[in-house]
């Protein structure tokens, strides 16, 4: 599993969008027993903190110490450093295993074997991701050009799995059909720029060229975004879910 987010862990915690309530409502419909959940690649604990409202205990793991240092504290959430494919958990522990915007970084075969090992019979596995944001017909092409042509060479090859909505990732579970969802944020132009700066590809660009390409993009967007105005930003969310 790759760690591409430790460097910008503070930006990641501050600007990453939060997942919609409807996503969790749908997943939890399929989890009648809510004793223990594992949120794998938890990052700053965004998902684990939500699950803490529904489960007696939540184990949350990540390979980034810096990300875990930004994690949201909850009394029934235990954060620890661990790779996705090899964990310290006992067999048959979890009723739910979740992965938010991270499955594409894993070694799929060993990871799913670990999911099967630590899950109770009939447990649910849910992995989701979000696509490129949508704002308006004027702004979206500018963002797409930035995504593909400016920082495009700095995306890791695994990024293709997001573009394919995880359709081509091996899924050795009894799959449950799932709808698509949407994350909706109301952001200022400054917040939008903060989000772009949290991209791993932007950090790669900065490492190579010594400058941040985001201000140029924001300058292109600014004619369509009045100063100080809050505008709706939408992220399409896809989900793959199955029984262990």
C-alpha atoms as a PDB file:
ATOM      1  CA  UNK A   1       0.000   0.000   0.000  1.00  0.00           C
ATOM      2  CA  UNK A   2       1.336   3.435  -0.953  1.00  0.00           C
ATOM      3  CA  UNK A   3       1.490   6.463   1.330  1.00  0.00           C
ATOM      4  CA  UNK A   4       1.029   9.578  -0.802  1.00  0.00           C
ATOM      5  CA  UNK A   5      -0.683  11.778   1.776  1.00  0.00           C
ATOM      6  CA  UNK A   6       1.622  12.125   4.792  1.00  0.00           C
ATOM      7  CA  UNK A   7       3.306  15.192   3.290  1.00  0.00           C
ATOM      8  CA  UNK A   8       0.062  17.163   3.053  1.00  0.00           C
ATOM      9  CA  UNK A   9      -1.775  15.552   5.979  1.00  0.00           C
ATOM     10  CA  UNK A  10      -2.861  18.931   7.396  1.00  0.00           C
ATOM     11  CA  UNK A  11      -4.342  20.002   4.053  1.00  0.00           C
ATOM     12  CA  UNK A  12      -5.976  16.613   3.655  1.00  0.00           C
ATOM     13  CA  UNK A  13      -7.667  16.887   7.044  1.00  0.00           C
ATOM     14  CA  UNK A  14      -8.782  20.470   6.452  1.00  0.00           C
ATOM     15  CA  UNK A  15     -10.093  20.360   2.892  1.00  0.00           C
ATOM     16  CA  UNK A  16     -11.147  16.819   2.014  1.00  0.00           C
ATOM     17  CA  UNK A  17     -14.923  16.593   1.476  1.00  0.00           C
ATOM     18  CA  UNK A  18     -17.075  14.592   3.881  1.00  0.00           C
ATOM     19  CA  UNK A  19     -19.141  11.636   2.739  1.00  0.00           C
ATOM     20  CA  UNK A  20     -22.943  11.960   2.544  1.00  0.00           C
ATOM     21  CA  UNK A  21     -25.261  10.626   5.229  1.00  0.00           C
ATOM     22  CA  UNK A  22     -27.167   8.729   2.536  1.00  0.00           C
ATOM     23  CA  UNK A  23     -24.077   6.616   1.827  1.00  0.00           C
ATOM     24  CA  UNK A  24     -23.790   5.468   5.433  1.00  0.00           C
ATOM     25  CA  UNK A  25     -27.544   4.940   5.731  1.00  0.00           C
ATOM     26  CA  UNK A  26     -27.474   2.614   2.727  1.00  0.00           C
ATOM     27  CA  UNK A  27     -24.490   0.614   3.993  1.00  0.00           C
ATOM     28  CA  UNK A  28     -25.842   0.254   7.518  1.00  0.00           C
ATOM     29  CA  UNK A  29     -29.123  -1.176   6.257  1.00  0.00           C
ATOM     30  CA  UNK A  30     -27.111  -4.329   5.531  1.00  0.00           C
ATOM     31  CA  UNK A  31     -25.399  -4.499   8.943  1.00  0.00           C
ATOM     32  CA  UNK A  32     -27.928  -5.652  11.582  1.00  0.00           C
ATOM     33  CA  UNK A  33     -25.241  -6.583  14.144  1.00  0.00           C
ATOM     34  CA  UNK A  34     -23.068  -3.596  15.029  1.00  0.00           C
ATOM     35  CA  UNK A  35     -20.525  -4.817  17.520  1.00  0.00           C
ATOM     36  CA  UNK A  36     -17.251  -3.996  15.791  1.00  0.00           C
ATOM     37  CA  UNK A  37     -16.188  -2.243  12.579  1.00  0.00           C
ATOM     38  CA  UNK A  38     -12.813  -1.821  10.908  1.00  0.00           C
ATOM     39  CA  UNK A  39     -12.164   1.319   8.897  1.00  0.00           C
ATOM     40  CA  UNK A  40      -9.105   0.547   6.793  1.00  0.00           C
ATOM     41  CA  UNK A  41      -6.885   3.390   5.517  1.00  0.00           C
ATOM     42  CA  UNK A  42      -8.768   5.685   7.844  1.00  0.00           C
ATOM     43  CA  UNK A  43      -6.636   8.754   7.122  1.00  0.00           C
ATOM     44  CA  UNK A  44      -7.840  11.444   9.511  1.00  0.00           C
ATOM     45  CA  UNK A  45     -10.646   9.253  10.824  1.00  0.00           C
ATOM     46  CA  UNK A  46     -13.377  10.786   8.713  1.00  0.00           C
ATOM     47  CA  UNK A  47     -15.240   7.481   8.299  1.00  0.00           C
ATOM     48  CA  UNK A  48     -14.291   5.978  11.663  1.00  0.00           C
ATOM     49  CA  UNK A  49     -15.776   8.941  13.516  1.00  0.00           C
ATOM     50  CA  UNK A  50     -19.117   8.408  11.772  1.00  0.00           C
ATOM     51  CA  UNK A  51     -19.094   4.668  12.446  1.00  0.00           C
ATOM     52  CA  UNK A  52     -18.457   5.358  16.134  1.00  0.00           C
ATOM     53  CA  UNK A  53     -22.076   6.504  16.444  1.00  0.00           C
ATOM     54  CA  UNK A  54     -23.333   3.077  15.358  1.00  0.00           C
ATOM     55  CA  UNK A  55     -20.818   0.480  16.574  1.00  0.00           C
ATOM     56  CA  UNK A  56     -19.700  -0.532  20.036  1.00  0.00           C
ATOM     57  CA  UNK A  57     -16.066  -0.400  18.936  1.00  0.00           C
ATOM     58  CA  UNK A  58     -14.300   0.836  15.803  1.00  0.00           C
ATOM     59  CA  UNK A  59     -10.769  -0.116  14.810  1.00  0.00           C
ATOM     60  CA  UNK A  60      -9.187   2.384  12.438  1.00  0.00           C
ATOM     61  CA  UNK A  61      -5.882   1.726  10.696  1.00  0.00           C
ATOM     62  CA  UNK A  62      -3.566   3.602   8.371  1.00  0.00           C
ATOM     63  CA  UNK A  63       0.075   3.454   7.272  1.00  0.00           C
ATOM     64  CA  UNK A  64       0.601   7.198   7.755  1.00  0.00           C
ATOM     65  CA  UNK A  65       1.582   8.401  11.225  1.00  0.00           C
ATOM     66  CA  UNK A  66       1.004  11.992  10.129  1.00  0.00           C
ATOM     67  CA  UNK A  67      -2.512  11.223   8.956  1.00  0.00           C
ATOM     68  CA  UNK A  68      -3.299   9.437  12.209  1.00  0.00           C
ATOM     69  CA  UNK A  69      -1.965  12.445  14.125  1.00  0.00           C
ATOM     70  CA  UNK A  70      -4.814  14.458  12.530  1.00  0.00           C
ATOM     71  CA  UNK A  71      -7.433  11.819  13.410  1.00  0.00           C
ATOM     72  CA  UNK A  72     -10.755  12.785  14.961  1.00  0.00           C
ATOM     73  CA  UNK A  73     -10.828  11.504  18.571  1.00  0.00           C
ATOM     74  CA  UNK A  74     -13.754   9.344  19.672  1.00  0.00           C
ATOM     75  CA  UNK A  75     -13.895   7.297  22.891  1.00  0.00           C
ATOM     76  CA  UNK A  76     -14.805   4.059  21.102  1.00  0.00           C
ATOM     77  CA  UNK A  77     -12.417   4.447  18.152  1.00  0.00           C
ATOM     78  CA  UNK A  78      -8.949   2.905  18.399  1.00  0.00           C
ATOM     79  CA  UNK A  79      -6.469   4.280  15.870  1.00  0.00           C
ATOM     80  CA  UNK A  80      -3.296   2.390  15.053  1.00  0.00           C
ATOM     81  CA  UNK A  81      -0.571   2.137  12.447  1.00  0.00           C
ATOM     82  CA  UNK A  82      -1.053  -0.934  10.263  1.00  0.00           C
ATOM     83  CA  UNK A  83      -0.924  -1.929   6.585  1.00  0.00           C
ATOM     84  CA  UNK A  84      -4.187  -3.001   5.010  1.00  0.00           C
ATOM     85  CA  UNK A  85      -2.959  -6.440   4.069  1.00  0.00           C
ATOM     86  CA  UNK A  86      -1.573  -7.538   7.463  1.00  0.00           C
ATOM     87  CA  UNK A  87      -3.331  -6.486  10.662  1.00  0.00           C
ATOM     88  CA  UNK A  88      -3.093  -7.425  14.343  1.00  0.00           C
ATOM     89  CA  UNK A  89      -6.795  -8.288  14.615  1.00  0.00           C
ATOM     90  CA  UNK A  90      -8.114 -11.649  15.689  1.00  0.00           C
ATOM     91  CA  UNK A  91     -10.047 -13.786  13.205  1.00  0.00           C
ATOM     92  CA  UNK A  92     -13.807 -13.298  13.074  1.00  0.00           C
ATOM     93  CA  UNK A  93     -13.804  -9.866  14.716  1.00  0.00           C
ATOM     94  CA  UNK A  94     -15.770  -7.462  12.518  1.00  0.00           C
ATOM     95  CA  UNK A  95     -19.360  -6.987  11.363  1.00  0.00           C
ATOM     96  CA  UNK A  96     -18.337  -4.297   8.862  1.00  0.00           C
ATOM     97  CA  UNK A  97     -15.146  -3.403   6.998  1.00  0.00           C
ATOM     98  CA  UNK A  98     -14.977  -0.049   5.207  1.00  0.00           C
ATOM     99  CA  UNK A  99     -12.489   1.595   2.848  1.00  0.00           C
ATOM    100  CA  UNK A 100     -13.123   5.200   1.806  1.00  0.00           C
ATOM    101  CA  UNK A 101     -11.211   6.436  -1.267  1.00  0.00           C
ATOM    102  CA  UNK A 102      -8.267   4.073  -0.708  1.00  0.00           C
ATOM    103  CA  UNK A 103      -8.958   0.575  -2.071  1.00  0.00           C
ATOM    104  CA  UNK A 104      -7.045   1.368  -5.253  1.00  0.00           C
ATOM    105  CA  UNK A 105      -3.785   1.624  -3.271  1.00  0.00           C
ATOM    106  CA  UNK A 106      -3.975  -1.914  -1.848  1.00  0.00           C
ATOM    107  CA  UNK A 107      -2.481  -5.229  -2.874  1.00  0.00           C
ATOM    108  CA  UNK A 108      -5.889  -6.703  -3.705  1.00  0.00           C
ATOM    109  CA  UNK A 109      -5.276 -10.424  -3.206  1.00  0.00           C
ATOM    110  CA  UNK A 110      -3.696 -10.266   0.261  1.00  0.00           C
ATOM    111  CA  UNK A 111      -6.071  -7.512   1.345  1.00  0.00           C
ATOM    112  CA  UNK A 112      -9.221  -9.467   0.573  1.00  0.00           C
ATOM    113  CA  UNK A 113      -7.767 -12.527   2.274  1.00  0.00           C
ATOM    114  CA  UNK A 114      -7.260 -10.363   5.354  1.00  0.00           C
ATOM    115  CA  UNK A 115     -10.830  -9.065   5.108  1.00  0.00           C
ATOM    116  CA  UNK A 116     -12.116 -12.627   5.036  1.00  0.00           C
ATOM    117  CA  UNK A 117      -9.925 -13.605   7.984  1.00  0.00           C
ATOM    118  CA  UNK A 118     -10.942 -10.784  10.333  1.00  0.00           C
ATOM    119  CA  UNK A 119     -14.646 -10.684   9.378  1.00  0.00           C
ATOM    120  CA  UNK A 120     -17.452 -12.552  11.069  1.00  0.00           C
ATOM    121  CA  UNK A 121     -19.479 -14.846   8.770  1.00  0.00           C
ATOM    122  CA  UNK A 122     -21.901 -12.706   6.777  1.00  0.00           C
ATOM    123  CA  UNK A 123     -20.087  -9.467   7.575  1.00  0.00           C
ATOM    124  CA  UNK A 124     -20.338  -6.609   5.110  1.00  0.00           C
ATOM    125  CA  UNK A 125     -17.485  -5.074   3.131  1.00  0.00           C
ATOM    126  CA  UNK A 126     -17.962  -1.620   1.610  1.00  0.00           C
ATOM    127  CA  UNK A 127     -15.470   0.377  -0.447  1.00  0.00           C
ATOM    128  CA  UNK A 128     -16.210   3.642  -2.167  1.00  0.00           C
ATOM    129  CA  UNK A 129     -14.539   6.505  -3.940  1.00  0.00           C
ATOM    130  CA  UNK A 130     -15.383   9.843  -5.462  1.00  0.00           C
ATOM    131  CA  UNK A 131     -14.821  11.186  -8.928  1.00  0.00           C
ATOM    132  CA  UNK A 132     -13.643  14.545 -10.215  1.00  0.00           C
ATOM    133  CA  UNK A 133     -15.712  17.387  -8.800  1.00  0.00           C
ATOM    134  CA  UNK A 134     -18.390  19.208 -10.786  1.00  0.00           C
ATOM    135  CA  UNK A 135     -19.140  22.922 -10.453  1.00  0.00           C
ATOM    136  CA  UNK A 136     -20.463  24.521 -13.660  1.00  0.00           C
ATOM    137  CA  UNK A 137     -20.188  24.298 -17.467  1.00  0.00           C
ATOM    138  CA  UNK A 138     -17.661  27.166 -17.398  1.00  0.00           C
ATOM    139  CA  UNK A 139     -15.447  25.867 -14.594  1.00  0.00           C
ATOM    140  CA  UNK A 140     -15.512  22.100 -15.158  1.00  0.00           C
ATOM    141  CA  UNK A 141     -13.407  22.140 -18.385  1.00  0.00           C
ATOM    142  CA  UNK A 142     -10.728  24.221 -16.634  1.00  0.00           C
ATOM    143  CA  UNK A 143     -10.526  21.677 -13.817  1.00  0.00           C
ATOM    144  CA  UNK A 144     -10.449  18.754 -16.253  1.00  0.00           C
ATOM    145  CA  UNK A 145      -7.569  20.328 -18.183  1.00  0.00           C
ATOM    146  CA  UNK A 146      -5.664  20.862 -14.941  1.00  0.00           C
ATOM    147  CA  UNK A 147      -6.401  17.294 -13.824  1.00  0.00           C
ATOM    148  CA  UNK A 148      -5.334  15.674 -17.105  1.00  0.00           C
ATOM    149  CA  UNK A 149      -2.673  17.943 -18.566  1.00  0.00           C
ATOM    150  CA  UNK A 150      -1.046  20.020 -15.826  1.00  0.00           C
ATOM    151  CA  UNK A 151      -0.804  17.557 -12.951  1.00  0.00           C
ATOM    152  CA  UNK A 152      -1.867  14.498 -14.971  1.00  0.00           C
ATOM    153  CA  UNK A 153       1.677  13.089 -15.269  1.00  0.00           C
ATOM    154  CA  UNK A 154       1.962  13.105 -11.473  1.00  0.00           C
ATOM    155  CA  UNK A 155      -1.022  10.892 -10.717  1.00  0.00           C
ATOM    156  CA  UNK A 156      -0.051   7.416  -9.556  1.00  0.00           C
ATOM    157  CA  UNK A 157      -1.043   4.624 -11.984  1.00  0.00           C
ATOM    158  CA  UNK A 158      -3.572   3.359  -9.430  1.00  0.00           C
ATOM    159  CA  UNK A 159      -5.642   6.484 -10.039  1.00  0.00           C
ATOM    160  CA  UNK A 160      -7.142   4.690 -13.056  1.00  0.00           C
ATOM    161  CA  UNK A 161      -9.232   2.587 -10.660  1.00  0.00           C
ATOM    162  CA  UNK A 162     -11.038   5.742  -9.507  1.00  0.00           C
ATOM    163  CA  UNK A 163     -11.781   6.693 -13.100  1.00  0.00           C
ATOM    164  CA  UNK A 164     -13.122   3.159 -13.649  1.00  0.00           C
ATOM    165  CA  UNK A 165     -15.237   3.373 -10.463  1.00  0.00           C
ATOM    166  CA  UNK A 166     -13.460   0.271  -9.111  1.00  0.00           C
ATOM    167  CA  UNK A 167     -15.196  -1.855 -11.765  1.00  0.00           C
ATOM    168  CA  UNK A 168     -11.977  -3.661 -12.706  1.00  0.00           C
ATOM    169  CA  UNK A 169     -10.728  -4.362  -9.202  1.00  0.00           C
ATOM    170  CA  UNK A 170     -11.058  -8.058  -8.227  1.00  0.00           C
ATOM    171  CA  UNK A 171     -14.014  -8.430  -5.864  1.00  0.00           C
ATOM    172  CA  UNK A 172     -14.109 -11.965  -4.395  1.00  0.00           C
ATOM    173  CA  UNK A 173     -17.268 -11.400  -2.360  1.00  0.00           C
ATOM    174  CA  UNK A 174     -21.004 -11.852  -2.824  1.00  0.00           C
ATOM    175  CA  UNK A 175     -21.662  -8.453  -4.360  1.00  0.00           C
ATOM    176  CA  UNK A 176     -24.674  -6.326  -3.457  1.00  0.00           C
ATOM    177  CA  UNK A 177     -25.816  -3.802  -6.091  1.00  0.00           C
ATOM    178  CA  UNK A 178     -25.388  -0.230  -4.930  1.00  0.00           C
ATOM    179  CA  UNK A 179     -26.572   3.137  -6.268  1.00  0.00           C
ATOM    180  CA  UNK A 180     -24.375   6.169  -6.778  1.00  0.00           C
ATOM    181  CA  UNK A 181     -24.322   9.044  -4.321  1.00  0.00           C
ATOM    182  CA  UNK A 182     -23.083  12.625  -4.243  1.00  0.00           C
ATOM    183  CA  UNK A 183     -20.975  14.645  -1.853  1.00  0.00           C
ATOM    184  CA  UNK A 184     -22.044  18.274  -1.884  1.00  0.00           C
ATOM    185  CA  UNK A 185     -19.955  21.099  -0.441  1.00  0.00           C
ATOM    186  CA  UNK A 186     -20.531  24.829  -0.371  1.00  0.00           C
ATOM    187  CA  UNK A 187     -17.090  26.354  -0.779  1.00  0.00           C
ATOM    188  CA  UNK A 188     -15.390  29.662  -1.296  1.00  0.00           C
ATOM    189  CA  UNK A 189     -12.762  29.908  -4.020  1.00  0.00           C
ATOM    190  CA  UNK A 190     -10.096  29.807  -1.299  1.00  0.00           C
ATOM    191  CA  UNK A 191     -11.457  26.506   0.010  1.00  0.00           C
ATOM    192  CA  UNK A 192     -11.483  25.102  -3.518  1.00  0.00           C
ATOM    193  CA  UNK A 193      -7.812  26.008  -3.876  1.00  0.00           C
ATOM    194  CA  UNK A 194      -7.036  24.312  -0.563  1.00  0.00           C
ATOM    195  CA  UNK A 195      -8.697  21.140  -1.786  1.00  0.00           C
ATOM    196  CA  UNK A 196      -6.673  21.115  -5.013  1.00  0.00           C
ATOM    197  CA  UNK A 197      -3.461  21.604  -3.022  1.00  0.00           C
ATOM    198  CA  UNK A 198      -4.245  18.406  -1.097  1.00  0.00           C
ATOM    199  CA  UNK A 199      -4.029  16.351  -4.319  1.00  0.00           C
ATOM    200  CA  UNK A 200      -1.087  13.939  -4.388  1.00  0.00           C
ATOM    201  CA  UNK A 201      -0.473  14.929  -8.027  1.00  0.00           C
ATOM    202  CA  UNK A 202      -0.156  18.591  -7.053  1.00  0.00           C
ATOM    203  CA  UNK A 203       2.376  17.673  -4.369  1.00  0.00           C
ATOM    204  CA  UNK A 204       4.292  15.693  -7.008  1.00  0.00           C
ATOM    205  CA  UNK A 205       4.272  18.712  -9.326  1.00  0.00           C
ATOM    206  CA  UNK A 206       5.587  20.932  -6.518  1.00  0.00           C
ATOM    207  CA  UNK A 207       8.369  18.451  -5.759  1.00  0.00           C
ATOM    208  CA  UNK A 208       9.542  18.479  -9.381  1.00  0.00           C
ATOM    209  CA  UNK A 209       9.091  22.131 -10.336  1.00  0.00           C
ATOM    210  CA  UNK A 210       9.332  23.906  -6.981  1.00  0.00           C
ATOM    211  CA  UNK A 211       6.084  25.818  -7.380  1.00  0.00           C
ATOM    212  CA  UNK A 212       2.408  25.240  -6.759  1.00  0.00           C
ATOM    213  CA  UNK A 213       0.306  25.128  -9.969  1.00  0.00           C
ATOM    214  CA  UNK A 214      -2.964  25.711  -8.082  1.00  0.00           C
ATOM    215  CA  UNK A 215      -2.859  29.556  -8.022  1.00  0.00           C
ATOM    216  CA  UNK A 216      -2.815  29.626 -11.828  1.00  0.00           C
ATOM    217  CA  UNK A 217      -5.886  27.403 -11.931  1.00  0.00           C
ATOM    218  CA  UNK A 218      -7.665  29.556  -9.354  1.00  0.00           C
ATOM    219  CA  UNK A 219      -6.876  32.637 -11.455  1.00  0.00           C
ATOM    220  CA  UNK A 220      -8.553  30.963 -14.452  1.00  0.00           C
ATOM    221  CA  UNK A 221     -11.612  30.066 -12.380  1.00  0.00           C
ATOM    222  CA  UNK A 222     -11.954  33.433 -10.618  1.00  0.00           C
ATOM    223  CA  UNK A 223     -13.860  35.224 -13.442  1.00  0.00           C
ATOM    224  CA  UNK A 224     -16.662  32.693 -12.914  1.00  0.00           C
ATOM    225  CA  UNK A 225     -16.531  32.862  -9.103  1.00  0.00           C
ATOM    226  CA  UNK A 226     -17.226  36.282  -7.526  1.00  0.00           C
ATOM    227  CA  UNK A 227     -14.927  37.164  -4.625  1.00  0.00           C
ATOM    228  CA  UNK A 228     -16.176  35.846  -1.298  1.00  0.00           C
ATOM    229  CA  UNK A 229     -19.090  33.992  -2.848  1.00  0.00           C
ATOM    230  CA  UNK A 230     -19.938  30.457  -1.729  1.00  0.00           C
ATOM    231  CA  UNK A 231     -20.677  28.051  -4.604  1.00  0.00           C
ATOM    232  CA  UNK A 232     -21.925  24.459  -4.614  1.00  0.00           C
ATOM    233  CA  UNK A 233     -19.342  21.804  -5.483  1.00  0.00           C
ATOM    234  CA  UNK A 234     -20.488  18.229  -6.216  1.00  0.00           C
ATOM    235  CA  UNK A 235     -18.447  15.026  -6.102  1.00  0.00           C
ATOM    236  CA  UNK A 236     -20.068  11.897  -7.624  1.00  0.00           C
ATOM    237  CA  UNK A 237     -19.574   8.921  -5.265  1.00  0.00           C
ATOM    238  CA  UNK A 238     -19.505   5.252  -6.332  1.00  0.00           C
ATOM    239  CA  UNK A 239     -19.761   2.211  -4.044  1.00  0.00           C
ATOM    240  CA  UNK A 240     -18.894  -1.485  -4.229  1.00  0.00           C
ATOM    241  CA  UNK A 241     -20.301  -3.611  -1.462  1.00  0.00           C
ATOM    242  CA  UNK A 242     -20.485  -7.327  -0.693  1.00  0.00           C
ATOM    243  CA  UNK A 243     -20.930 -10.075   1.880  1.00  0.00           C
ATOM    244  CA  UNK A 244     -17.929 -11.906   3.254  1.00  0.00           C
END
